[in-house]
Amino acid sequence: MGSSLFGEFFKKKRIEMDKTLRQFCLENGLDPGNISKLERGLLQPPTEGKLEHYAKCLGIKKGSDDWYEFFDLAHASAGRIPEEILSDEEALSKLPLVFRTLRGQKLNKEQLNKLAKEIKKV
């Protein structure tokens, strides 16, 4: 399912450029078969270098909301945690709480207070 979310986002950005799959691939030197599989969620998103290339081809500006969404969807669909999270000990220490919350597991009062404090920081 995650791959399809990334693929849908990729396709949406391509269509916003008013490009057919073939036009987009021809103009950017990409393989239409691979991009089609990527858009349909049949191929996992690539790693960082190739993702950056795809983002540039799609006109996604580095640091924009779309940039972060593009990379976050790619990481999530590939089952990877973004490198900036892995290298940040404080952020990494919060992942178990995030995972528990996403699973719908009940948090105790102390955990809820901790989560509330973290949200206020943001």
PDB file of N, CA and C in Angstrom:
ATOM      1  N   MET A   1       0.832  -1.200   0.000  1.00  0.00           N
ATOM      2  CA  MET A   1       0.000   0.000   0.000  1.00  0.00           C
ATOM      3  C   MET A   1       0.867   1.250   0.000  1.00  0.00           C
ATOM      4  N   GLY A   2       1.959   1.245   0.758  1.00  0.00           N
ATOM      5  CA  GLY A   2       2.824   2.407   0.826  1.00  0.00           C
ATOM      6  C   GLY A   2       3.405   2.778  -0.515  1.00  0.00           C
ATOM      7  N   SER A   3       3.810   1.745  -1.293  1.00  0.00           N
ATOM      8  CA  SER A   3       4.372   2.006  -2.612  1.00  0.00           C
ATOM      9  C   SER A   3       3.353   2.692  -3.504  1.00  0.00           C
ATOM     10  N   SER A   4       2.079   2.304  -3.361  1.00  0.00           N
ATOM     11  CA  SER A   4       1.064   2.931  -4.197  1.00  0.00           C
ATOM     12  C   SER A   4       0.871   4.398  -3.820  1.00  0.00           C
ATOM     13  N   LEU A   5       1.023   4.746  -2.530  1.00  0.00           N
ATOM     14  CA  LEU A   5       0.917   6.150  -2.136  1.00  0.00           C
ATOM     15  C   LEU A   5       2.045   6.967  -2.758  1.00  0.00           C
ATOM     16  N   PHE A   6       3.252   6.425  -2.738  1.00  0.00           N
ATOM     17  CA  PHE A   6       4.375   7.116  -3.367  1.00  0.00           C
ATOM     18  C   PHE A   6       4.120   7.229  -4.873  1.00  0.00           C
ATOM     19  N   GLY A   7       3.695   6.128  -5.481  1.00  0.00           N
ATOM     20  CA  GLY A   7       3.431   6.125  -6.922  1.00  0.00           C
ATOM     21  C   GLY A   7       2.347   7.112  -7.312  1.00  0.00           C
ATOM     22  N   GLU A   8       1.296   7.176  -6.506  1.00  0.00           N
ATOM     23  CA  GLU A   8       0.216   8.126  -6.779  1.00  0.00           C
ATOM     24  C   GLU A   8       0.725   9.563  -6.706  1.00  0.00           C
ATOM     25  N   PHE A   9       1.572   9.835  -5.723  1.00  0.00           N
ATOM     26  CA  PHE A   9       2.129  11.185  -5.575  1.00  0.00           C
ATOM     27  C   PHE A   9       3.016  11.506  -6.771  1.00  0.00           C
ATOM     28  N   PHE A  10       3.846  10.555  -7.167  1.00  0.00           N
ATOM     29  CA  PHE A  10       4.734  10.730  -8.323  1.00  0.00           C
ATOM     30  C   PHE A  10       3.903  11.058  -9.564  1.00  0.00           C
ATOM     31  N   LYS A  11       2.872  10.247  -9.799  1.00  0.00           N
ATOM     32  CA  LYS A  11       2.018  10.437 -10.981  1.00  0.00           C
ATOM     33  C   LYS A  11       1.302  11.785 -10.938  1.00  0.00           C
ATOM     34  N   LYS A  12       0.811  12.154  -9.760  1.00  0.00           N
ATOM     35  CA  LYS A  12       0.121  13.442  -9.601  1.00  0.00           C
ATOM     36  C   LYS A  12       1.046  14.598  -9.991  1.00  0.00           C
ATOM     37  N   LYS A  13       2.294  14.543  -9.527  1.00  0.00           N
ATOM     38  CA  LYS A  13       3.250  15.610  -9.842  1.00  0.00           C
ATOM     39  C   LYS A  13       3.555  15.636 -11.339  1.00  0.00           C
ATOM     40  N   ARG A  14       3.668  14.463 -11.960  1.00  0.00           N
ATOM     41  CA  ARG A  14       3.931  14.400 -13.405  1.00  0.00           C
ATOM     42  C   ARG A  14       2.757  14.996 -14.176  1.00  0.00           C
ATOM     43  N   ILE A  15       1.545  14.643 -13.772  1.00  0.00           N
ATOM     44  CA  ILE A  15       0.349  15.139 -14.462  1.00  0.00           C
ATOM     45  C   ILE A  15       0.211  16.651 -14.272  1.00  0.00           C
ATOM     46  N   GLU A  16       0.590  17.147 -13.090  1.00  0.00           N
ATOM     47  CA  GLU A  16       0.567  18.597 -12.869  1.00  0.00           C
ATOM     48  C   GLU A  16       1.488  19.328 -13.847  1.00  0.00           C
ATOM     49  N   MET A  17       2.505  18.622 -14.336  1.00  0.00           N
ATOM     50  CA  MET A  17       3.420  19.196 -15.334  1.00  0.00           C
ATOM     51  C   MET A  17       2.816  19.118 -16.740  1.00  0.00           C
ATOM     52  N   ASP A  18       1.617  18.499 -16.831  1.00  0.00           N
ATOM     53  CA  ASP A  18       0.926  18.304 -18.102  1.00  0.00           C
ATOM     54  C   ASP A  18       1.764  17.458 -19.060  1.00  0.00           C
ATOM     55  N   LYS A  19       2.343  16.373 -18.517  1.00  0.00           N
ATOM     56  CA  LYS A  19       3.188  15.473 -19.307  1.00  0.00           C
ATOM     57  C   LYS A  19       2.603  14.069 -19.286  1.00  0.00           C
ATOM     58  N   THR A  20       2.593  13.444 -20.459  1.00  0.00           N
ATOM     59  CA  THR A  20       2.257  12.022 -20.488  1.00  0.00           C
ATOM     60  C   THR A  20       3.466  11.270 -19.935  1.00  0.00           C
ATOM     61  N   LEU A  21       3.263  10.017 -19.627  1.00  0.00           N
ATOM     62  CA  LEU A  21       4.355   9.196 -19.117  1.00  0.00           C
ATOM     63  C   LEU A  21       5.509   9.174 -20.118  1.00  0.00           C
ATOM     64  N   ARG A  22       5.190   8.964 -21.363  1.00  0.00           N
ATOM     65  CA  ARG A  22       6.231   8.883 -22.397  1.00  0.00           C
ATOM     66  C   ARG A  22       6.962  10.220 -22.567  1.00  0.00           C
ATOM     67  N   GLN A  23       6.212  11.323 -22.600  1.00  0.00           N
ATOM     68  CA  GLN A  23       6.849  12.645 -22.726  1.00  0.00           C
ATOM     69  C   GLN A  23       7.808  12.886 -21.568  1.00  0.00           C
ATOM     70  N   PHE A  24       7.328  12.643 -20.367  1.00  0.00           N
ATOM     71  CA  PHE A  24       8.121  12.860 -19.164  1.00  0.00           C
ATOM     72  C   PHE A  24       9.415  12.047 -19.212  1.00  0.00           C
ATOM     73  N   CYS A  25       9.287  10.787 -19.562  1.00  0.00           N
ATOM     74  CA  CYS A  25      10.459   9.909 -19.596  1.00  0.00           C
ATOM     75  C   CYS A  25      11.424  10.306 -20.707  1.00  0.00           C
ATOM     76  N   LEU A  26      10.900  10.625 -21.868  1.00  0.00           N
ATOM     77  CA  LEU A  26      11.752  11.031 -22.992  1.00  0.00           C
ATOM     78  C   LEU A  26      12.530  12.299 -22.651  1.00  0.00           C
ATOM     79  N   GLU A  27      11.856  13.282 -22.072  1.00  0.00           N
ATOM     80  CA  GLU A  27      12.507  14.554 -21.729  1.00  0.00           C
ATOM     81  C   GLU A  27      13.550  14.407 -20.624  1.00  0.00           C
ATOM     82  N   ASN A  28      13.400  13.380 -19.781  1.00  0.00           N
ATOM     83  CA  ASN A  28      14.298  13.223 -18.641  1.00  0.00           C
ATOM     84  C   ASN A  28      15.217  12.006 -18.736  1.00  0.00           C
ATOM     85  N   GLY A  29      15.194  11.333 -19.878  1.00  0.00           N
ATOM     86  CA  GLY A  29      16.055  10.175 -20.075  1.00  0.00           C
ATOM     87  C   GLY A  29      15.743   9.022 -19.137  1.00  0.00           C
ATOM     88  N   LEU A  30      14.453   8.823 -18.862  1.00  0.00           N
ATOM     89  CA  LEU A  30      14.027   7.760 -17.941  1.00  0.00           C
ATOM     90  C   LEU A  30      13.335   6.644 -18.717  1.00  0.00           C
ATOM     91  N   ASP A  31      13.332   5.456 -18.143  1.00  0.00           N
ATOM     92  CA  ASP A  31      12.691   4.305 -18.758  1.00  0.00           C
ATOM     93  C   ASP A  31      11.191   4.311 -18.455  1.00  0.00           C
ATOM     94  N   PRO A  32      10.347   4.398 -19.489  1.00  0.00           N
ATOM     95  CA  PRO A  32       8.895   4.454 -19.252  1.00  0.00           C
ATOM     96  C   PRO A  32       8.354   3.228 -18.508  1.00  0.00           C
ATOM     97  N   GLY A  33       8.918   2.054 -18.775  1.00  0.00           N
ATOM     98  CA  GLY A  33       8.456   0.842 -18.103  1.00  0.00           C
ATOM     99  C   GLY A  33       8.687   0.917 -16.599  1.00  0.00           C
ATOM    100  N   ASN A  34       9.874   1.387 -16.199  1.00  0.00           N
ATOM    101  CA  ASN A  34      10.180   1.490 -14.766  1.00  0.00           C
ATOM    102  C   ASN A  34       9.346   2.564 -14.092  1.00  0.00           C
ATOM    103  N   ILE A  35       9.176   3.698 -14.766  1.00  0.00           N
ATOM    104  CA  ILE A  35       8.387   4.782 -14.166  1.00  0.00           C
ATOM    105  C   ILE A  35       6.920   4.369 -14.055  1.00  0.00           C
ATOM    106  N   SER A  36       6.415   3.646 -15.053  1.00  0.00           N
ATOM    107  CA  SER A  36       5.046   3.144 -14.993  1.00  0.00           C
ATOM    108  C   SER A  36       4.882   2.213 -13.794  1.00  0.00           C
ATOM    109  N   LYS A  37       5.831   1.302 -13.595  1.00  0.00           N
ATOM    110  CA  LYS A  37       5.772   0.386 -12.446  1.00  0.00           C
ATOM    111  C   LYS A  37       5.859   1.148 -11.132  1.00  0.00           C
ATOM    112  N   LEU A  38       6.682   2.181 -11.107  1.00  0.00           N
ATOM    113  CA  LEU A  38       6.823   3.002  -9.900  1.00  0.00           C
ATOM    114  C   LEU A  38       5.502   3.694  -9.578  1.00  0.00           C
ATOM    115  N   GLU A  39       4.882   4.279 -10.590  1.00  0.00           N
ATOM    116  CA  GLU A  39       3.616   4.989 -10.386  1.00  0.00           C
ATOM    117  C   GLU A  39       2.484   4.053  -9.965  1.00  0.00           C
ATOM    118  N   ARG A  40       2.547   2.810 -10.406  1.00  0.00           N
ATOM    119  CA  ARG A  40       1.495   1.840 -10.059  1.00  0.00           C
ATOM    120  C   ARG A  40       1.795   1.085  -8.770  1.00  0.00           C
ATOM    121  N   GLY A  41       2.919   1.405  -8.132  1.00  0.00           N
ATOM    122  CA  GLY A  41       3.269   0.748  -6.875  1.00  0.00           C
ATOM    123  C   GLY A  41       3.823  -0.648  -7.042  1.00  0.00           C
ATOM    124  N   LEU A  42       4.244  -1.001  -8.249  1.00  0.00           N
ATOM    125  CA  LEU A  42       4.791  -2.325  -8.508  1.00  0.00           C
ATOM    126  C   LEU A  42       6.304  -2.371  -8.306  1.00  0.00           C
ATOM    127  N   LEU A  43       6.906  -1.215  -8.202  1.00  0.00           N
ATOM    128  CA  LEU A  43       8.347  -1.099  -8.012  1.00  0.00           C
ATOM    129  C   LEU A  43       8.587  -0.208  -6.806  1.00  0.00           C
ATOM    130  N   GLN A  44       9.444  -0.657  -5.908  1.00  0.00           N
ATOM    131  CA  GLN A  44       9.749   0.149  -4.720  1.00  0.00           C
ATOM    132  C   GLN A  44      10.501   1.413  -5.121  1.00  0.00           C
ATOM    133  N   PRO A  45      10.281   2.494  -4.382  1.00  0.00           N
ATOM    134  CA  PRO A  45      11.041   3.719  -4.645  1.00  0.00           C
ATOM    135  C   PRO A  45      12.545   3.468  -4.464  1.00  0.00           C
ATOM    136  N   PRO A  46      13.359   4.159  -5.245  1.00  0.00           N
ATOM    137  CA  PRO A  46      14.803   3.972  -5.139  1.00  0.00           C
ATOM    138  C   PRO A  46      15.375   4.668  -3.908  1.00  0.00           C
ATOM    139  N   THR A  47      16.676   4.575  -3.768  1.00  0.00           N
ATOM    140  CA  THR A  47      17.362   5.232  -2.655  1.00  0.00           C
ATOM    141  C   THR A  47      17.618   6.705  -2.988  1.00  0.00           C
ATOM    142  N   GLU A  48      18.211   7.399  -2.017  1.00  0.00           N
ATOM    143  CA  GLU A  48      18.354   8.862  -2.028  1.00  0.00           C
ATOM    144  C   GLU A  48      18.773   9.496  -3.357  1.00  0.00           C
ATOM    145  N   GLY A  49      19.892   9.074  -3.919  1.00  0.00           N
ATOM    146  CA  GLY A  49      20.403   9.727  -5.124  1.00  0.00           C
ATOM    147  C   GLY A  49      19.409   9.736  -6.264  1.00  0.00           C
ATOM    148  N   LYS A  50      18.818   8.585  -6.517  1.00  0.00           N
ATOM    149  CA  LYS A  50      17.839   8.473  -7.597  1.00  0.00           C
ATOM    150  C   LYS A  50      16.560   9.240  -7.246  1.00  0.00           C
ATOM    151  N   LEU A  51      16.183   9.215  -5.971  1.00  0.00           N
ATOM    152  CA  LEU A  51      14.999   9.980  -5.547  1.00  0.00           C
ATOM    153  C   LEU A  51      15.195  11.466  -5.811  1.00  0.00           C
ATOM    154  N   GLU A  52      16.380  11.974  -5.498  1.00  0.00           N
ATOM    155  CA  GLU A  52      16.662  13.391  -5.751  1.00  0.00           C
ATOM    156  C   GLU A  52      16.554  13.703  -7.236  1.00  0.00           C
ATOM    157  N   HIS A  53      17.060  12.804  -8.067  1.00  0.00           N
ATOM    158  CA  HIS A  53      16.977  12.997  -9.519  1.00  0.00           C
ATOM    159  C   HIS A  53      15.509  13.038  -9.963  1.00  0.00           C
ATOM    160  N   TYR A  54      14.714  12.091  -9.470  1.00  0.00           N
ATOM    161  CA  TYR A  54      13.294  12.072  -9.814  1.00  0.00           C
ATOM    162  C   TYR A  54      12.601  13.346  -9.343  1.00  0.00           C
ATOM    163  N   ALA A  55      12.912  13.792  -8.136  1.00  0.00           N
ATOM    164  CA  ALA A  55      12.294  15.010  -7.605  1.00  0.00           C
ATOM    165  C   ALA A  55      12.605  16.199  -8.511  1.00  0.00           C
ATOM    166  N   LYS A  56      13.842  16.303  -8.952  1.00  0.00           N
ATOM    167  CA  LYS A  56      14.222  17.404  -9.852  1.00  0.00           C
ATOM    168  C   LYS A  56      13.487  17.291 -11.178  1.00  0.00           C
ATOM    169  N   CYS A  57      13.371  16.073 -11.706  1.00  0.00           N
ATOM    170  CA  CYS A  57      12.636  15.870 -12.960  1.00  0.00           C
ATOM    171  C   CYS A  57      11.175  16.292 -12.821  1.00  0.00           C
ATOM    172  N   LEU A  58      10.620  16.092 -11.635  1.00  0.00           N
ATOM    173  CA  LEU A  58       9.220  16.450 -11.381  1.00  0.00           C
ATOM    174  C   LEU A  58       9.052  17.918 -11.004  1.00  0.00           C
ATOM    175  N   GLY A  59      10.165  18.657 -10.942  1.00  0.00           N
ATOM    176  CA  GLY A  59      10.086  20.078 -10.600  1.00  0.00           C
ATOM    177  C   GLY A  59       9.814  20.335  -9.136  1.00  0.00           C
ATOM    178  N   ILE A  60      10.151  19.378  -8.294  1.00  0.00           N
ATOM    179  CA  ILE A  60       9.930  19.537  -6.855  1.00  0.00           C
ATOM    180  C   ILE A  60      11.142  20.256  -6.268  1.00  0.00           C
ATOM    181  N   LYS A  61      10.896  21.400  -5.667  1.00  0.00           N
ATOM    182  CA  LYS A  61      11.981  22.220  -5.115  1.00  0.00           C
ATOM    183  C   LYS A  61      12.487  21.647  -3.787  1.00  0.00           C
ATOM    184  N   LYS A  62      13.818  21.577  -3.681  1.00  0.00           N
ATOM    185  CA  LYS A  62      14.447  21.056  -2.467  1.00  0.00           C
ATOM    186  C   LYS A  62      14.019  21.890  -1.260  1.00  0.00           C
ATOM    187  N   GLY A  63      13.609  21.218  -0.191  1.00  0.00           N
ATOM    188  CA  GLY A  63      13.197  21.901   1.030  1.00  0.00           C
ATOM    189  C   GLY A  63      11.725  22.278   1.081  1.00  0.00           C
ATOM    190  N   SER A  64      11.002  22.094  -0.034  1.00  0.00           N
ATOM    191  CA  SER A  64       9.571  22.439  -0.056  1.00  0.00           C
ATOM    192  C   SER A  64       8.763  21.340   0.642  1.00  0.00           C
ATOM    193  N   ASP A  65       7.500  21.639   0.922  1.00  0.00           N
ATOM    194  CA  ASP A  65       6.617  20.636   1.517  1.00  0.00           C
ATOM    195  C   ASP A  65       6.508  19.413   0.613  1.00  0.00           C
ATOM    196  N   ASP A  66       6.409  19.643  -0.696  1.00  0.00           N
ATOM    197  CA  ASP A  66       6.336  18.524  -1.644  1.00  0.00           C
ATOM    198  C   ASP A  66       7.612  17.676  -1.597  1.00  0.00           C
ATOM    199  N   TRP A  67       8.764  18.322  -1.429  1.00  0.00           N
ATOM    200  CA  TRP A  67      10.043  17.612  -1.339  1.00  0.00           C
ATOM    201  C   TRP A  67      10.012  16.629  -0.165  1.00  0.00           C
ATOM    202  N   TYR A  68       9.594  17.132   1.004  1.00  0.00           N
ATOM    203  CA  TYR A  68       9.555  16.276   2.185  1.00  0.00           C
ATOM    204  C   TYR A  68       8.502  15.192   2.045  1.00  0.00           C
ATOM    205  N   GLU A  69       7.357  15.519   1.477  1.00  0.00           N
ATOM    206  CA  GLU A  69       6.318  14.505   1.281  1.00  0.00           C
ATOM    207  C   GLU A  69       6.802  13.419   0.330  1.00  0.00           C
ATOM    208  N   PHE A  70       7.465  13.821  -0.753  1.00  0.00           N
ATOM    209  CA  PHE A  70       8.006  12.891  -1.749  1.00  0.00           C
ATOM    210  C   PHE A  70       8.962  11.903  -1.084  1.00  0.00           C
ATOM    211  N   PHE A  71       9.898  12.431  -0.303  1.00  0.00           N
ATOM    212  CA  PHE A  71      10.892  11.577   0.348  1.00  0.00           C
ATOM    213  C   PHE A  71      10.280  10.753   1.481  1.00  0.00           C
ATOM    214  N   ASP A  72       9.367  11.330   2.249  1.00  0.00           N
ATOM    215  CA  ASP A  72       8.735  10.596   3.344  1.00  0.00           C
ATOM    216  C   ASP A  72       7.896   9.435   2.808  1.00  0.00           C
ATOM    217  N   LEU A  73       7.153   9.669   1.734  1.00  0.00           N
ATOM    218  CA  LEU A  73       6.373   8.589   1.131  1.00  0.00           C
ATOM    219  C   LEU A  73       7.293   7.500   0.593  1.00  0.00           C
ATOM    220  N   ALA A  74       8.405   7.903  -0.013  1.00  0.00           N
ATOM    221  CA  ALA A  74       9.365   6.920  -0.542  1.00  0.00           C
ATOM    222  C   ALA A  74       9.948   6.075   0.584  1.00  0.00           C
ATOM    223  N   HIS A  75      10.367   6.737   1.662  1.00  0.00           N
ATOM    224  CA  HIS A  75      10.949   5.999   2.786  1.00  0.00           C
ATOM    225  C   HIS A  75       9.917   5.057   3.410  1.00  0.00           C
ATOM    226  N   ALA A  76       8.715   5.558   3.620  1.00  0.00           N
ATOM    227  CA  ALA A  76       7.676   4.750   4.256  1.00  0.00           C
ATOM    228  C   ALA A  76       7.341   3.531   3.402  1.00  0.00           C
ATOM    229  N   SER A  77       7.219   3.732   2.096  1.00  0.00           N
ATOM    230  CA  SER A  77       6.831   2.617   1.236  1.00  0.00           C
ATOM    231  C   SER A  77       7.935   1.578   1.115  1.00  0.00           C
ATOM    232  N   ALA A  78       9.183   2.011   1.295  1.00  0.00           N
ATOM    233  CA  ALA A  78      10.309   1.073   1.226  1.00  0.00           C
ATOM    234  C   ALA A  78      10.638   0.491   2.601  1.00  0.00           C
ATOM    235  N   GLY A  79       9.905   0.914   3.631  1.00  0.00           N
ATOM    236  CA  GLY A  79      10.154   0.402   4.972  1.00  0.00           C
ATOM    237  C   GLY A  79      11.433   0.945   5.586  1.00  0.00           C
ATOM    238  N   ARG A  80      11.821   2.148   5.157  1.00  0.00           N
ATOM    239  CA  ARG A  80      13.052   2.756   5.665  1.00  0.00           C
ATOM    240  C   ARG A  80      12.706   3.964   6.524  1.00  0.00           C
ATOM    241  N   ILE A  81      13.531   4.197   7.543  1.00  0.00           N
ATOM    242  CA  ILE A  81      13.409   5.388   8.365  1.00  0.00           C
ATOM    243  C   ILE A  81      14.377   6.412   7.779  1.00  0.00           C
ATOM    244  N   PRO A  82      13.931   7.641   7.539  1.00  0.00           N
ATOM    245  CA  PRO A  82      14.807   8.654   6.954  1.00  0.00           C
ATOM    246  C   PRO A  82      16.109   8.830   7.749  1.00  0.00           C
ATOM    247  N   GLU A  83      17.204   9.029   7.032  1.00  0.00           N
ATOM    248  CA  GLU A  83      18.529   9.141   7.635  1.00  0.00           C
ATOM    249  C   GLU A  83      18.603  10.258   8.670  1.00  0.00           C
ATOM    250  N   GLU A  84      17.924  11.389   8.417  1.00  0.00           N
ATOM    251  CA  GLU A  84      17.989  12.494   9.382  1.00  0.00           C
ATOM    252  C   GLU A  84      17.343  12.130  10.711  1.00  0.00           C
ATOM    253  N   ILE A  85      16.402  11.188  10.700  1.00  0.00           N
ATOM    254  CA  ILE A  85      15.797  10.706  11.937  1.00  0.00           C
ATOM    255  C   ILE A  85      16.753   9.727  12.632  1.00  0.00           C
ATOM    256  N   LEU A  86      17.329   8.823  11.847  1.00  0.00           N
ATOM    257  CA  LEU A  86      18.249   7.833  12.410  1.00  0.00           C
ATOM    258  C   LEU A  86      19.481   8.468  13.039  1.00  0.00           C
ATOM    259  N   SER A  87      19.905   9.590  12.502  1.00  0.00           N
ATOM    260  CA  SER A  87      21.123  10.229  13.020  1.00  0.00           C
ATOM    261  C   SER A  87      20.837  11.204  14.167  1.00  0.00           C
ATOM    262  N   ASP A  88      19.561  11.404  14.501  1.00  0.00           N
ATOM    263  CA  ASP A  88      19.175  12.298  15.586  1.00  0.00           C
ATOM    264  C   ASP A  88      18.717  11.450  16.774  1.00  0.00           C
ATOM    265  N   GLU A  89      19.571  11.354  17.804  1.00  0.00           N
ATOM    266  CA  GLU A  89      19.271  10.479  18.945  1.00  0.00           C
ATOM    267  C   GLU A  89      17.955  10.839  19.634  1.00  0.00           C
ATOM    268  N   GLU A  90      17.681  12.125  19.760  1.00  0.00           N
ATOM    269  CA  GLU A  90      16.439  12.544  20.423  1.00  0.00           C
ATOM    270  C   GLU A  90      15.225  12.085  19.616  1.00  0.00           C
ATOM    271  N   ALA A  91      15.269  12.314  18.304  1.00  0.00           N
ATOM    272  CA  ALA A  91      14.156  11.892  17.449  1.00  0.00           C
ATOM    273  C   ALA A  91      14.023  10.372  17.460  1.00  0.00           C
ATOM    274  N   LEU A  92      15.142   9.684  17.389  1.00  0.00           N
ATOM    275  CA  LEU A  92      15.141   8.227  17.385  1.00  0.00           C
ATOM    276  C   LEU A  92      14.529   7.665  18.665  1.00  0.00           C
ATOM    277  N   SER A  93      14.792   8.316  19.788  1.00  0.00           N
ATOM    278  CA  SER A  93      14.262   7.832  21.064  1.00  0.00           C
ATOM    279  C   SER A  93      12.738   7.953  21.147  1.00  0.00           C
ATOM    280  N   LYS A  94      12.138   8.793  20.294  1.00  0.00           N
ATOM    281  CA  LYS A  94      10.688   8.999  20.311  1.00  0.00           C
ATOM    282  C   LYS A  94       9.938   8.037  19.398  1.00  0.00           C
ATOM    283  N   LEU A  95      10.658   7.317  18.564  1.00  0.00           N
ATOM    284  CA  LEU A  95       9.989   6.434  17.613  1.00  0.00           C
ATOM    285  C   LEU A  95       9.117   5.369  18.270  1.00  0.00           C
ATOM    286  N   PRO A  96       9.555   4.715  19.348  1.00  0.00           N
ATOM    287  CA  PRO A  96       8.668   3.714  19.953  1.00  0.00           C
ATOM    288  C   PRO A  96       7.307   4.294  20.368  1.00  0.00           C
ATOM    289  N   LEU A  97       7.298   5.502  20.882  1.00  0.00           N
ATOM    290  CA  LEU A  97       6.052   6.152  21.282  1.00  0.00           C
ATOM    291  C   LEU A  97       5.186   6.435  20.048  1.00  0.00           C
ATOM    292  N   VAL A  98       5.818   6.881  18.984  1.00  0.00           N
ATOM    293  CA  VAL A  98       5.093   7.150  17.739  1.00  0.00           C
ATOM    294  C   VAL A  98       4.499   5.856  17.196  1.00  0.00           C
ATOM    295  N   PHE A  99       5.303   4.797  17.153  1.00  0.00           N
ATOM    296  CA  PHE A  99       4.816   3.515  16.637  1.00  0.00           C
ATOM    297  C   PHE A  99       3.638   2.994  17.460  1.00  0.00           C
ATOM    298  N   ARG A 100       3.765   3.084  18.770  1.00  0.00           N
ATOM    299  CA  ARG A 100       2.700   2.621  19.660  1.00  0.00           C
ATOM    300  C   ARG A 100       1.427   3.415  19.401  1.00  0.00           C
ATOM    301  N   THR A 101       1.563   4.715  19.251  1.00  0.00           N
ATOM    302  CA  THR A 101       0.409   5.583  19.002  1.00  0.00           C
ATOM    303  C   THR A 101      -0.246   5.227  17.669  1.00  0.00           C
ATOM    304  N   LEU A 102       0.573   5.016  16.648  1.00  0.00           N
ATOM    305  CA  LEU A 102       0.036   4.678  15.330  1.00  0.00           C
ATOM    306  C   LEU A 102      -0.688   3.337  15.331  1.00  0.00           C
ATOM    307  N   ARG A 103      -0.242   2.431  16.162  1.00  0.00           N
ATOM    308  CA  ARG A 103      -0.896   1.121  16.266  1.00  0.00           C
ATOM    309  C   ARG A 103      -2.224   1.212  17.025  1.00  0.00           C
ATOM    310  N   GLY A 104      -2.459   2.342  17.656  1.00  0.00           N
ATOM    311  CA  GLY A 104      -3.693   2.509  18.410  1.00  0.00           C
ATOM    312  C   GLY A 104      -3.617   1.933  19.805  1.00  0.00           C
ATOM    313  N   GLN A 105      -2.416   1.625  20.266  1.00  0.00           N
ATOM    314  CA  GLN A 105      -2.270   1.117  21.625  1.00  0.00           C
ATOM    315  C   GLN A 105      -2.470   2.259  22.602  1.00  0.00           C
ATOM    316  N   LYS A 106      -3.107   1.948  23.693  1.00  0.00           N
ATOM    317  CA  LYS A 106      -3.365   2.992  24.684  1.00  0.00           C
ATOM    318  C   LYS A 106      -2.073   3.410  25.364  1.00  0.00           C
ATOM    319  N   LEU A 107      -1.967   4.702  25.571  1.00  0.00           N
ATOM    320  CA  LEU A 107      -0.827   5.247  26.287  1.00  0.00           C
ATOM    321  C   LEU A 107      -1.235   5.499  27.731  1.00  0.00           C
ATOM    322  N   ASN A 108      -0.291   5.307  28.652  1.00  0.00           N
ATOM    323  CA  ASN A 108      -0.608   5.623  30.034  1.00  0.00           C
ATOM    324  C   ASN A 108      -0.511   7.141  30.221  1.00  0.00           C
ATOM    325  N   LYS A 109      -0.890   7.621  31.376  1.00  0.00           N
ATOM    326  CA  LYS A 109      -0.936   9.065  31.634  1.00  0.00           C
ATOM    327  C   LYS A 109       0.432   9.714  31.438  1.00  0.00           C
ATOM    328  N   GLU A 110       1.479   9.067  31.917  1.00  0.00           N
ATOM    329  CA  GLU A 110       2.838   9.612  31.772  1.00  0.00           C
ATOM    330  C   GLU A 110       3.224   9.724  30.292  1.00  0.00           C
ATOM    331  N   GLN A 111       2.896   8.703  29.512  1.00  0.00           N
ATOM    332  CA  GLN A 111       3.206   8.721  28.081  1.00  0.00           C
ATOM    333  C   GLN A 111       2.416   9.807  27.357  1.00  0.00           C
ATOM    334  N   LEU A 112       1.139   9.979  27.738  1.00  0.00           N
ATOM    335  CA  LEU A 112       0.315  11.023  27.128  1.00  0.00           C
ATOM    336  C   LEU A 112       0.884  12.414  27.435  1.00  0.00           C
ATOM    337  N   ASN A 113       1.307  12.622  28.681  1.00  0.00           N
ATOM    338  CA  ASN A 113       1.905  13.909  29.052  1.00  0.00           C
ATOM    339  C   ASN A 113       3.189  14.160  28.268  1.00  0.00           C
ATOM    340  N   LYS A 114       3.993  13.123  28.116  1.00  0.00           N
ATOM    341  CA  LYS A 114       5.241  13.245  27.370  1.00  0.00           C
ATOM    342  C   LYS A 114       4.953  13.602  25.907  1.00  0.00           C
ATOM    343  N   LEU A 115       3.975  12.930  25.324  1.00  0.00           N
ATOM    344  CA  LEU A 115       3.591  13.209  23.945  1.00  0.00           C
ATOM    345  C   LEU A 115       3.084  14.644  23.802  1.00  0.00           C
ATOM    346  N   ALA A 116       2.263  15.092  24.740  1.00  0.00           N
ATOM    347  CA  ALA A 116       1.727  16.457  24.704  1.00  0.00           C
ATOM    348  C   ALA A 116       2.860  17.483  24.761  1.00  0.00           C
ATOM    349  N   LYS A 117       3.857  17.246  25.624  1.00  0.00           N
ATOM    350  CA  LYS A 117       5.002  18.159  25.726  1.00  0.00           C
ATOM    351  C   LYS A 117       5.786  18.212  24.424  1.00  0.00           C
ATOM    352  N   GLU A 118       5.955  17.061  23.799  1.00  0.00           N
ATOM    353  CA  GLU A 118       6.696  17.008  22.532  1.00  0.00           C
ATOM    354  C   GLU A 118       5.950  17.743  21.425  1.00  0.00           C
ATOM    355  N   ILE A 119       4.626  17.591  21.416  1.00  0.00           N
ATOM    356  CA  ILE A 119       3.825  18.278  20.404  1.00  0.00           C
ATOM    357  C   ILE A 119       3.904  19.782  20.589  1.00  0.00           C
ATOM    358  N   LYS A 120       3.894  20.243  21.839  1.00  0.00           N
ATOM    359  CA  LYS A 120       3.986  21.678  22.118  1.00  0.00           C
ATOM    360  C   LYS A 120       5.317  22.248  21.632  1.00  0.00           C
ATOM    361  N   LYS A 121       6.382  21.442  21.662  1.00  0.00           N
ATOM    362  CA  LYS A 121       7.684  21.904  21.176  1.00  0.00           C
ATOM    363  C   LYS A 121       7.646  22.206  19.682  1.00  0.00           C
ATOM    364  N   VAL A 122       6.845  21.419  18.970  1.00  0.00           N
ATOM    365  CA  VAL A 122       6.734  21.586  17.515  1.00  0.00           C
ATOM    366  C   VAL A 122       5.896  22.802  17.237  1.00  0.00           C
TER     367      VAL A 122
END
